N, C-alpha and C. Protein backbone atom coordinates (compact mmCIF):
# COMPACT_ATOMS: atom_id res chain seq x y z
N UNK A 1 -2.32 -38.78 -34.79
CA UNK A 1 -1.57 -37.44 -34.44
C UNK A 1 -1.81 -37.51 -32.70
N UNK A 2 -2.66 -37.83 -32.13
CA UNK A 2 -2.90 -37.61 -30.71
C UNK A 2 -1.50 -37.94 -30.15
N UNK A 3 -1.10 -39.13 -30.12
CA UNK A 3 -0.06 -39.47 -29.45
C UNK A 3 1.26 -38.60 -29.69
N UNK A 4 1.18 -38.04 -30.82
CA UNK A 4 2.47 -37.19 -31.08
C UNK A 4 2.36 -35.92 -30.03
N UNK A 5 1.07 -35.34 -30.12
CA UNK A 5 0.72 -34.21 -29.43
C UNK A 5 1.13 -34.34 -27.77
N UNK A 6 0.96 -35.61 -27.41
CA UNK A 6 1.23 -35.94 -25.99
C UNK A 6 2.56 -35.71 -25.88
N UNK A 7 3.55 -35.55 -26.60
CA UNK A 7 4.79 -35.26 -26.53
C UNK A 7 5.32 -34.17 -26.19
N UNK A 8 4.19 -32.98 -25.95
CA UNK A 8 4.36 -31.88 -25.22
C UNK A 8 4.64 -32.00 -23.78
N UNK A 9 4.33 -33.34 -23.26
CA UNK A 9 4.69 -33.57 -22.06
C UNK A 9 6.32 -33.70 -21.74
N UNK A 10 7.03 -33.50 -22.87
CA UNK A 10 8.33 -33.73 -22.73
C UNK A 10 8.97 -32.29 -22.04
N UNK A 11 8.13 -31.25 -22.01
CA UNK A 11 8.70 -30.07 -21.49
C UNK A 11 7.54 -29.72 -20.31
N UNK A 12 6.73 -30.55 -19.89
CA UNK A 12 5.69 -29.95 -19.10
C UNK A 12 6.09 -30.50 -17.68
N UNK A 13 5.27 -29.93 -16.71
CA UNK A 13 5.23 -30.10 -15.30
C UNK A 13 3.96 -30.34 -14.81
N UNK A 14 3.67 -31.14 -13.61
CA UNK A 14 2.52 -31.44 -13.12
C UNK A 14 2.59 -31.41 -11.77
N UNK A 15 1.38 -30.62 -10.86
CA UNK A 15 1.35 -30.56 -9.55
C UNK A 15 1.26 -31.80 -8.97
N UNK A 16 1.95 -31.63 -7.77
CA UNK A 16 1.73 -33.08 -6.93
C UNK A 16 0.38 -33.50 -6.67
N UNK A 17 -0.34 -32.48 -6.50
CA UNK A 17 -2.01 -32.90 -6.04
C UNK A 17 -2.59 -33.70 -7.22
N UNK A 18 -2.04 -33.78 -8.53
CA UNK A 18 -2.76 -34.29 -9.64
C UNK A 18 -2.16 -35.96 -9.62
N UNK A 19 -1.18 -36.48 -8.88
CA UNK A 19 -0.51 -37.73 -9.14
C UNK A 19 -0.24 -38.23 -7.81
N UNK A 20 -0.29 -37.50 -6.55
CA UNK A 20 0.21 -37.84 -5.34
C UNK A 20 -0.47 -39.33 -4.79
N UNK A 21 -1.88 -39.40 -5.35
CA UNK A 21 -2.31 -40.78 -5.03
C UNK A 21 -1.62 -41.90 -5.59
N UNK A 22 -0.79 -41.73 -6.84
CA UNK A 22 -0.23 -42.83 -7.21
C UNK A 22 1.00 -43.05 -6.33
N UNK A 23 1.31 -42.19 -5.58
CA UNK A 23 2.71 -42.52 -4.61
C UNK A 23 2.37 -43.20 -3.09
N UNK A 24 1.03 -42.65 -2.73
CA UNK A 24 0.86 -43.08 -1.51
C UNK A 24 -0.59 -43.99 -1.38
N UNK A 25 -1.38 -43.79 -1.99
CA UNK A 25 -2.66 -44.28 -1.91
C UNK A 25 -3.53 -44.64 -3.19
N UNK A 26 -2.63 -45.63 -4.12
CA UNK A 26 -3.39 -45.76 -5.34
C UNK A 26 -4.69 -46.56 -5.30
N UNK A 27 -5.82 -46.12 -5.77
CA UNK A 27 -6.99 -46.63 -5.79
C UNK A 27 -7.38 -47.19 -4.38
N UNK A 28 -7.44 -46.37 -3.60
CA UNK A 28 -7.68 -46.53 -2.16
C UNK A 28 -6.93 -47.73 -1.44
N UNK A 29 -5.76 -48.08 -1.95
CA UNK A 29 -4.93 -49.34 -1.58
C UNK A 29 -4.17 -48.91 -0.36
N UNK A 30 -3.81 -47.55 -0.07
CA UNK A 30 -2.94 -47.09 0.78
C UNK A 30 -1.58 -47.54 0.59
N UNK A 31 -1.17 -47.93 -0.91
CA UNK A 31 0.14 -48.35 -1.25
C UNK A 31 0.37 -47.71 -2.64
N UNK A 32 1.59 -47.61 -2.94
CA UNK A 32 1.55 -46.96 -4.25
C UNK A 32 1.14 -47.68 -5.46
N UNK A 33 1.11 -47.07 -6.78
CA UNK A 33 0.72 -47.78 -8.03
C UNK A 33 1.81 -48.87 -8.27
N UNK A 34 1.32 -50.08 -8.52
CA UNK A 34 2.29 -51.23 -8.70
C UNK A 34 2.84 -51.15 -9.98
N UNK A 35 2.69 -50.03 -10.96
CA UNK A 35 3.25 -50.10 -12.05
C UNK A 35 4.16 -48.95 -12.09
N UNK A 36 4.42 -48.49 -11.25
CA UNK A 36 5.27 -47.22 -11.17
C UNK A 36 6.84 -47.72 -10.93
N UNK A 37 7.88 -47.13 -11.74
CA UNK A 37 9.10 -47.42 -11.64
C UNK A 37 9.61 -47.23 -10.23
N UNK A 38 10.36 -47.99 -9.33
CA UNK A 38 10.67 -47.87 -8.06
C UNK A 38 11.53 -46.56 -8.02
N UNK A 39 12.59 -46.38 -8.69
CA UNK A 39 13.32 -45.00 -8.61
C UNK A 39 12.40 -43.83 -8.90
N UNK A 40 11.56 -43.76 -9.66
CA UNK A 40 10.51 -42.97 -9.86
C UNK A 40 9.96 -42.66 -8.83
N UNK A 41 9.15 -43.66 -8.12
CA UNK A 41 8.65 -43.57 -6.82
C UNK A 41 9.31 -42.64 -5.73
N UNK A 42 10.55 -43.20 -5.59
CA UNK A 42 11.48 -42.57 -4.61
C UNK A 42 11.71 -41.09 -4.83
N UNK A 43 12.02 -40.93 -5.91
CA UNK A 43 12.21 -39.59 -6.50
C UNK A 43 11.29 -38.48 -6.36
N UNK A 44 9.96 -39.21 -6.91
CA UNK A 44 8.73 -38.20 -6.43
C UNK A 44 8.03 -38.06 -5.08
N UNK A 45 8.49 -39.03 -4.13
CA UNK A 45 8.21 -39.03 -2.93
C UNK A 45 8.91 -37.96 -2.05
N UNK A 46 10.02 -37.75 -2.57
CA UNK A 46 11.14 -36.77 -2.08
C UNK A 46 10.50 -35.39 -2.46
N UNK A 47 9.88 -35.26 -3.54
CA UNK A 47 9.16 -33.94 -4.12
C UNK A 47 7.94 -33.74 -3.23
N UNK A 48 7.25 -34.77 -3.43
CA UNK A 48 5.81 -34.67 -2.94
C UNK A 48 5.37 -35.43 -1.72
N UNK A 49 5.76 -34.86 -0.48
CA UNK A 49 5.73 -35.38 0.72
C UNK A 49 3.92 -35.51 0.79
N UNK A 50 3.99 -37.00 1.63
CA UNK A 50 2.47 -37.20 1.59
C UNK A 50 1.33 -36.33 2.31
N UNK A 51 2.06 -35.54 3.45
CA UNK A 51 1.27 -34.39 4.10
C UNK A 51 1.78 -33.09 3.67
N UNK A 52 2.15 -32.98 2.56
CA UNK A 52 2.47 -31.52 2.28
C UNK A 52 1.30 -30.35 2.10
N UNK A 53 1.72 -29.33 2.71
CA UNK A 53 1.06 -28.13 2.69
C UNK A 53 1.16 -27.13 1.31
N UNK A 54 2.32 -27.42 0.63
CA UNK A 54 2.55 -26.80 -0.67
C UNK A 54 2.48 -27.71 -1.62
N UNK A 55 1.95 -27.27 -2.65
CA UNK A 55 1.59 -28.16 -3.94
C UNK A 55 2.78 -27.99 -5.01
N UNK A 56 3.98 -28.70 -4.85
CA UNK A 56 5.15 -28.46 -5.59
C UNK A 56 4.69 -29.39 -6.97
N UNK A 57 5.89 -29.23 -7.86
CA UNK A 57 5.70 -29.52 -9.07
C UNK A 57 6.76 -30.61 -9.33
N UNK A 58 6.54 -31.35 -10.60
CA UNK A 58 7.50 -32.41 -10.96
C UNK A 58 7.62 -32.54 -12.38
N UNK A 59 8.67 -32.62 -13.25
CA UNK A 59 8.78 -32.60 -14.56
C UNK A 59 8.02 -33.57 -15.07
N UNK A 60 7.43 -33.88 -15.96
CA UNK A 60 6.51 -34.85 -16.69
C UNK A 60 7.55 -35.94 -17.41
N UNK A 61 8.78 -35.27 -17.98
CA UNK A 61 9.76 -35.90 -18.73
C UNK A 61 10.68 -36.14 -17.59
N UNK A 62 10.96 -37.44 -17.11
CA UNK A 62 12.06 -37.77 -16.00
C UNK A 62 13.51 -37.73 -16.38
N UNK A 63 13.77 -37.70 -17.91
CA UNK A 63 15.02 -37.63 -18.10
C UNK A 63 15.59 -36.09 -17.79
N UNK A 64 16.51 -36.20 -16.82
CA UNK A 64 17.15 -34.80 -16.51
C UNK A 64 17.82 -33.93 -17.54
N UNK A 65 18.41 -34.65 -18.58
CA UNK A 65 19.09 -34.16 -19.78
C UNK A 65 18.11 -33.66 -20.99
N UNK A 66 16.82 -33.79 -20.97
CA UNK A 66 15.96 -33.48 -21.81
C UNK A 66 14.60 -32.89 -21.35
N UNK A 67 14.51 -32.58 -19.98
CA UNK A 67 13.21 -32.20 -19.56
C UNK A 67 12.85 -30.78 -20.05
N UNK A 68 13.91 -30.05 -20.39
CA UNK A 68 13.45 -28.57 -21.02
C UNK A 68 13.55 -28.81 -22.63
N UNK A 69 13.60 -29.57 -23.10
CA UNK A 69 13.59 -30.07 -24.82
C UNK A 69 12.42 -30.59 -25.21
N UNK A 70 11.88 -30.26 -26.09
CA UNK A 70 10.92 -30.84 -26.96
C UNK A 70 11.57 -32.17 -27.89
N UNK A 71 11.43 -33.34 -27.39
CA UNK A 71 11.95 -34.67 -28.08
C UNK A 71 11.45 -35.90 -27.67
N UNK A 72 11.85 -36.84 -28.27
CA UNK A 72 10.98 -38.10 -27.79
C UNK A 72 11.33 -38.93 -26.50
N UNK A 73 12.24 -38.30 -25.84
CA UNK A 73 12.48 -38.77 -24.50
C UNK A 73 11.41 -39.18 -23.60
N UNK A 74 10.34 -38.37 -23.59
CA UNK A 74 9.02 -38.72 -22.87
C UNK A 74 8.49 -40.11 -23.07
N UNK A 75 8.55 -40.63 -24.27
CA UNK A 75 8.03 -41.62 -24.89
C UNK A 75 9.01 -42.78 -24.29
N UNK A 76 10.13 -42.83 -24.35
CA UNK A 76 11.06 -43.71 -23.73
C UNK A 76 11.01 -43.83 -22.23
N UNK A 77 10.60 -42.77 -21.78
CA UNK A 77 10.55 -42.82 -20.25
C UNK A 77 9.26 -43.51 -19.91
N UNK A 78 8.04 -43.06 -20.63
CA UNK A 78 6.82 -43.99 -20.16
C UNK A 78 6.90 -45.60 -20.57
N UNK A 79 7.72 -45.92 -21.58
CA UNK A 79 7.83 -47.12 -21.91
C UNK A 79 8.52 -47.85 -20.90
N UNK A 80 9.41 -47.16 -19.90
CA UNK A 80 10.12 -47.83 -18.79
C UNK A 80 9.25 -47.57 -17.53
N UNK A 81 7.97 -47.24 -17.65
CA UNK A 81 7.19 -47.22 -16.43
C UNK A 81 7.59 -45.90 -15.64
N UNK A 82 7.91 -44.96 -16.23
CA UNK A 82 8.45 -43.66 -15.46
C UNK A 82 7.50 -42.58 -15.94
N UNK A 83 6.20 -42.76 -16.25
CA UNK A 83 5.24 -41.74 -16.18
C UNK A 83 4.68 -41.26 -15.09
N UNK A 84 4.69 -40.08 -15.19
CA UNK A 84 4.38 -39.00 -13.78
C UNK A 84 2.93 -39.34 -13.62
N UNK A 85 2.32 -38.89 -14.69
CA UNK A 85 0.69 -38.84 -14.70
C UNK A 85 0.29 -40.29 -15.04
N UNK A 86 -0.65 -41.04 -14.44
CA UNK A 86 -1.51 -42.23 -14.88
C UNK A 86 -1.83 -42.26 -16.26
N UNK A 87 -2.45 -41.09 -16.67
CA UNK A 87 -2.87 -40.96 -18.01
C UNK A 87 -1.62 -41.53 -19.00
N UNK A 88 -0.40 -40.68 -18.94
CA UNK A 88 0.87 -40.83 -19.41
C UNK A 88 1.05 -42.42 -19.65
N UNK A 89 1.14 -42.91 -18.14
CA UNK A 89 1.63 -44.45 -18.25
C UNK A 89 0.49 -45.22 -18.84
N UNK A 90 -0.69 -44.93 -18.79
CA UNK A 90 -1.77 -45.75 -19.44
C UNK A 90 -1.52 -45.86 -21.14
N UNK A 91 -1.13 -44.73 -21.42
CA UNK A 91 -0.89 -44.81 -22.99
C UNK A 91 0.06 -45.67 -23.25
N UNK A 92 1.14 -45.77 -22.44
CA UNK A 92 2.28 -46.81 -22.98
C UNK A 92 1.83 -48.17 -22.74
N UNK A 93 1.00 -48.66 -22.03
CA UNK A 93 0.68 -49.78 -21.43
C UNK A 93 -0.49 -50.35 -22.26
N UNK A 94 -1.29 -49.31 -22.78
CA UNK A 94 -2.81 -50.00 -23.50
C UNK A 94 -2.12 -50.62 -24.77
N UNK A 95 -3.03 -51.88 -25.00
CA UNK A 95 -2.78 -52.83 -26.05
C UNK A 95 -3.28 -51.86 -27.28
N UNK A 96 -3.85 -50.76 -27.28
CA UNK A 96 -4.35 -50.08 -28.57
C UNK A 96 -3.36 -48.97 -28.92
N UNK A 97 -2.41 -48.46 -27.98
CA UNK A 97 -1.35 -47.44 -28.32
C UNK A 97 -0.03 -47.78 -27.87
N UNK A 98 0.21 -49.06 -27.37
CA UNK A 98 1.50 -49.37 -26.83
C UNK A 98 2.54 -49.54 -28.12
N UNK A 99 2.18 -50.03 -29.34
CA UNK A 99 3.05 -49.98 -30.40
C UNK A 99 3.41 -48.68 -30.95
N UNK A 100 2.42 -48.00 -30.82
CA UNK A 100 2.62 -46.52 -31.30
C UNK A 100 3.51 -45.65 -30.44
N UNK A 101 3.44 -45.90 -29.36
CA UNK A 101 4.41 -45.24 -28.22
C UNK A 101 6.03 -45.81 -28.58
N UNK A 102 5.94 -47.07 -28.79
CA UNK A 102 7.27 -47.68 -29.03
C UNK A 102 7.89 -47.35 -30.42
N UNK A 103 7.10 -46.93 -31.45
CA UNK A 103 7.39 -46.41 -32.69
C UNK A 103 7.88 -44.95 -32.67
N UNK A 104 7.09 -44.09 -31.92
CA UNK A 104 7.49 -42.95 -31.70
C UNK A 104 8.94 -42.66 -30.89
N UNK A 105 9.15 -43.58 -29.94
CA UNK A 105 10.14 -43.78 -29.28
C UNK A 105 11.68 -43.87 -30.02
N UNK A 106 11.34 -44.78 -31.12
CA UNK A 106 12.47 -45.05 -31.88
C UNK A 106 12.48 -44.61 -33.11
N UNK A 107 11.62 -43.52 -33.16
CA UNK A 107 11.55 -42.56 -34.54
C UNK A 107 12.77 -41.74 -34.70
N UNK A 108 12.98 -41.41 -36.12
CA UNK A 108 13.80 -40.26 -36.22
C UNK A 108 13.22 -39.04 -36.76
N UNK A 109 11.89 -39.07 -36.84
CA UNK A 109 11.45 -37.76 -37.29
C UNK A 109 10.43 -37.19 -36.24
N UNK A 110 10.61 -37.27 -35.02
CA UNK A 110 9.54 -37.13 -33.85
C UNK A 110 9.43 -35.55 -34.15
N UNK A 111 10.49 -34.59 -34.34
CA UNK A 111 10.27 -33.14 -34.40
C UNK A 111 9.39 -32.86 -35.44
N UNK A 112 9.34 -33.54 -36.71
CA UNK A 112 8.64 -33.23 -37.62
C UNK A 112 7.03 -33.54 -37.38
N UNK A 113 6.94 -34.68 -37.19
CA UNK A 113 5.58 -35.21 -36.77
C UNK A 113 4.90 -34.46 -35.53
N UNK A 114 5.64 -34.09 -34.46
CA UNK A 114 5.15 -33.19 -33.51
C UNK A 114 4.72 -31.90 -33.72
N UNK A 115 5.41 -31.27 -34.61
CA UNK A 115 5.29 -29.95 -35.43
C UNK A 115 3.66 -30.13 -36.05
N UNK A 116 3.70 -31.25 -37.00
CA UNK A 116 2.41 -31.41 -37.77
C UNK A 116 1.22 -31.59 -36.87
N UNK A 117 1.26 -32.29 -35.52
CA UNK A 117 0.29 -32.28 -34.69
C UNK A 117 0.02 -31.18 -33.93
N UNK A 118 1.11 -30.27 -33.88
CA UNK A 118 0.59 -28.82 -33.29
C UNK A 118 -0.20 -28.10 -34.21
N UNK A 119 0.32 -28.14 -35.42
CA UNK A 119 -0.35 -27.25 -36.35
C UNK A 119 -1.98 -27.91 -36.52
N UNK A 120 -2.10 -29.15 -36.67
CA UNK A 120 -3.17 -29.66 -36.33
C UNK A 120 -4.24 -29.28 -35.36
N UNK A 121 -3.68 -29.45 -34.11
CA UNK A 121 -4.46 -29.04 -33.05
C UNK A 121 -4.66 -27.42 -33.07
N UNK A 122 -3.80 -26.62 -33.73
CA UNK A 122 -3.99 -25.12 -33.78
C UNK A 122 -5.31 -25.00 -34.76
N UNK A 123 -5.65 -26.02 -35.64
CA UNK A 123 -6.70 -25.52 -36.42
C UNK A 123 -8.03 -25.97 -35.92
N UNK A 124 -7.92 -26.50 -34.42
CA UNK A 124 -9.33 -26.91 -34.02
C UNK A 124 -10.10 -25.59 -33.82
N UNK A 125 -11.32 -25.66 -33.98
CA UNK A 125 -12.12 -24.54 -33.86
C UNK A 125 -12.62 -24.23 -32.37
N UNK A 126 -12.36 -23.27 -31.62
CA UNK A 126 -12.93 -22.97 -30.24
C UNK A 126 -14.57 -22.72 -30.36
N UNK A 127 -15.01 -23.48 -29.49
CA UNK A 127 -16.27 -23.39 -29.31
C UNK A 127 -16.81 -22.34 -28.34
N UNK A 128 -17.91 -21.71 -28.86
CA UNK A 128 -18.22 -20.49 -27.90
C UNK A 128 -19.57 -20.63 -27.83
N UNK A 129 -20.28 -19.76 -26.68
CA UNK A 129 -21.49 -19.68 -26.42
C UNK A 129 -21.98 -20.97 -25.62
N UNK A 130 -23.02 -21.55 -26.14
CA UNK A 130 -23.68 -22.73 -25.88
C UNK A 130 -22.99 -23.95 -26.29
N UNK A 131 -22.18 -23.63 -27.42
CA UNK A 131 -21.63 -24.84 -28.06
C UNK A 131 -20.56 -25.54 -27.28
N UNK A 132 -19.67 -24.84 -26.42
CA UNK A 132 -18.65 -25.29 -25.44
C UNK A 132 -19.02 -25.33 -24.16
N UNK A 133 -17.84 -25.34 -23.27
CA UNK A 133 -18.10 -25.57 -21.89
C UNK A 133 -16.72 -24.90 -21.60
N UNK A 134 -16.80 -23.89 -20.38
CA UNK A 134 -15.63 -23.31 -19.65
C UNK A 134 -15.60 -24.14 -18.46
N UNK A 135 -14.47 -24.62 -18.18
CA UNK A 135 -14.19 -25.52 -16.90
C UNK A 135 -13.21 -24.94 -16.16
N UNK A 136 -13.59 -24.91 -14.73
CA UNK A 136 -12.57 -24.52 -13.69
C UNK A 136 -11.56 -25.56 -13.36
N UNK A 137 -11.82 -26.81 -13.59
CA UNK A 137 -10.97 -27.70 -13.79
C UNK A 137 -11.17 -28.45 -15.14
N UNK A 138 -10.03 -28.81 -15.81
CA UNK A 138 -10.07 -29.57 -17.09
C UNK A 138 -10.55 -30.89 -16.92
N UNK A 139 -10.28 -31.62 -15.67
CA UNK A 139 -10.60 -32.88 -15.38
C UNK A 139 -11.96 -32.95 -14.78
N UNK A 140 -12.84 -32.06 -14.65
CA UNK A 140 -14.30 -32.31 -14.19
C UNK A 140 -15.27 -31.82 -15.19
N UNK A 141 -16.00 -32.49 -15.71
CA UNK A 141 -17.05 -32.13 -16.68
C UNK A 141 -18.44 -31.69 -15.96
N UNK A 142 -18.57 -30.50 -16.46
CA UNK A 142 -19.96 -29.79 -15.85
C UNK A 142 -21.22 -30.57 -16.31
N UNK A 143 -21.90 -31.08 -15.68
CA UNK A 143 -23.37 -31.85 -16.35
C UNK A 143 -24.36 -30.90 -16.72
N UNK A 144 -24.80 -30.73 -17.87
CA UNK A 144 -25.89 -29.72 -18.12
C UNK A 144 -27.18 -30.34 -17.98
N UNK A 145 -27.99 -29.84 -17.37
CA UNK A 145 -29.22 -30.30 -16.66
C UNK A 145 -30.32 -29.73 -17.70
């Protein structure tokens, strides 16, 4: 179900600061991520200038006809190396999840399965007090000493 819930990225956006390294200095190489589609790279560089002082956003689903609709287009896009976030692109490239991404992109029941995934995620219990962790940045884990 996790890969279906990732389909929420079909209507999501990301701030340039979250992926700008892929465009200009991937893994400190001073070059873009070699796995990114060239037309996507060009498009994102227009939005996210290397020395920008404003943190603009880009659609996660690069299909302009469906970037405001929850659909399976996002999966087709990441199969074509058009994933904006490295994590999304890795899901389409990893040997453990690639076949699932391909199946979702071909599926005729995406909306049903996406809905089921959202219901399951909604049932996840919120951790409170010392059971959970409040993060200022969802990417950073606070180490407990």
